Protein backbone atom coordinates (compact mmCIF):
# COMPACT_ATOMS: atom_id res chain seq x y z
CA UNK A 1 145.18 134.49 136.95
CA UNK A 2 142.06 132.30 138.15
CA UNK A 3 139.83 132.68 135.09
CA UNK A 4 142.72 131.73 132.32
CA UNK A 5 141.45 128.91 129.56
CA UNK A 6 137.78 129.84 130.82
CA UNK A 7 137.35 133.39 129.87
CA UNK A 8 139.01 135.56 127.41
CA UNK A 9 141.60 138.56 129.30
CA UNK A 10 140.19 141.33 126.98
CA UNK A 11 136.45 140.42 127.96
CA UNK A 12 137.43 140.17 131.79
CA UNK A 13 139.29 143.89 131.23
CA UNK A 14 136.42 145.24 129.43
CA UNK A 15 133.90 144.38 132.01
CA UNK A 16 135.84 145.87 134.86
CA UNK A 17 136.37 148.66 133.32
CA UNK A 18 132.63 149.00 133.06
CA UNK A 19 132.25 148.79 136.48
CA UNK A 20 135.20 150.98 137.80
CA UNK A 21 133.52 153.40 139.25
CA UNK A 22 131.30 152.92 142.76
CA UNK A 23 128.01 151.72 142.87
CA UNK A 24 127.86 151.05 139.18
CA UNK A 25 128.21 146.77 138.85
CA UNK A 26 125.33 145.24 137.35
CA UNK A 27 125.80 141.58 137.46
CA UNK A 28 123.78 141.09 134.45
CA UNK A 29 125.90 143.71 132.15
CA UNK A 30 129.48 141.93 133.75
CA UNK A 31 127.64 138.38 133.06
CA UNK A 32 127.28 138.87 129.95
CA UNK A 33 130.19 141.69 129.00
CA UNK A 34 133.04 138.87 130.55
CA UNK A 35 131.18 136.29 128.20
CA UNK A 36 130.20 134.34 131.44
CA UNK A 37 126.74 134.15 130.22
CA UNK A 38 127.29 132.11 126.94
CA UNK A 39 129.07 129.52 128.86
CA UNK A 40 128.56 125.95 128.48
CA UNK A 41 126.93 124.73 132.38
CA UNK A 42 130.23 123.27 133.29
CA UNK A 43 132.25 126.32 132.89
CA UNK A 44 129.45 127.80 134.63
CA UNK A 45 130.76 125.29 137.67
CA UNK A 46 134.31 126.66 137.54
CA UNK A 47 133.74 130.11 137.92
CA UNK A 48 131.22 129.19 140.79
CA UNK A 49 134.47 127.12 142.46
CA UNK A 50 136.50 129.82 141.68
CA UNK A 51 134.34 132.40 143.19
CA UNK A 52 133.90 129.67 146.41
CA UNK A 53 136.92 130.84 148.10
CA UNK A 54 136.09 128.66 150.92
CA UNK A 55 134.38 125.90 149.20
CA UNK A 56 131.68 125.75 150.95
CA UNK A 57 129.31 125.53 147.88
CA UNK A 58 128.28 128.46 148.14
CA UNK A 59 128.74 132.01 147.76
CA UNK A 60 128.40 134.23 151.04
CA UNK A 61 128.00 137.99 150.96
CA UNK A 62 131.88 138.44 152.51
CA UNK A 63 132.37 136.72 148.74
CA UNK A 64 130.90 138.57 146.96
CA UNK A 65 131.93 141.19 148.25
CA UNK A 66 135.65 140.75 146.68
CA UNK A 67 134.01 139.08 144.03
CA UNK A 68 135.74 141.23 140.98
CA UNK A 69 138.53 140.21 142.92
CA UNK A 70 138.39 136.86 141.54
CA UNK A 71 138.71 138.70 137.98
CA UNK A 72 141.70 140.82 138.84
CA UNK A 73 143.64 140.95 141.84
CA UNK A 74 143.72 144.73 141.25
CA UNK A 75 139.83 145.58 140.79
CA UNK A 76 137.60 147.55 143.84
CA UNK A 77 135.86 145.34 145.98
CA UNK A 78 131.87 145.58 145.50
CA UNK A 79 130.43 148.16 147.92
CA UNK A 80 127.76 147.18 150.47
CA UNK A 81 124.83 148.20 148.34
CA UNK A 82 126.00 146.45 145.55
CA UNK A 83 126.69 143.75 147.64
CA UNK A 84 123.45 143.30 149.53
CA UNK A 85 121.77 143.87 145.54
CA UNK A 86 123.83 141.04 144.45
CA UNK A 87 123.12 138.72 146.84
CA UNK A 88 119.57 139.28 146.59
CA UNK A 89 118.81 139.54 142.85
CA UNK A 90 121.15 135.92 143.57
CA UNK A 91 119.38 134.41 146.85
CA UNK A 92 116.21 132.46 145.22
CA UNK A 93 115.97 130.61 148.52
CA UNK A 94 116.25 133.67 150.80
CA UNK A 95 119.07 131.53 153.10
CA UNK A 96 121.73 134.72 152.52
CA UNK A 97 123.75 133.08 150.06
CA UNK A 98 124.03 132.08 146.72
CA UNK A 99 124.26 127.90 145.73
CA UNK A 100 125.44 126.61 142.80
CA UNK A 101 122.14 126.61 140.84
CA UNK A 102 121.27 130.22 141.68
CA UNK A 103 124.10 131.46 140.52
CA UNK A 104 123.89 129.42 137.01
CA UNK A 105 120.73 130.74 136.91
CA UNK A 106 122.05 134.49 137.25
CA UNK A 107 124.46 133.72 135.19
CA UNK A 108 122.15 132.83 132.23
CA UNK A 109 119.88 135.54 133.30
């Protein structure tokens, strides 16, 4: 698992279970439940690198859509509405992507 050693399996399971239904994803609740909100800046940076699948230095909309699958291969894709809301919440500079600093701000919010 990509997050082994960074996050606890039980926390990941609980966070994924809480947003199993379509349109139930809330990034603030997810980051808190999964344990990312309490992690160090270095650990948040590691999480960002895992989610940034194409290693572009940004999390793009397509990567956000598959966000939950970074935590468990069998997790659902986010709906279009969830993906757009997630992107809007994190994209502080309006460039259509979430950079490392923007991601860290979201995790800690």
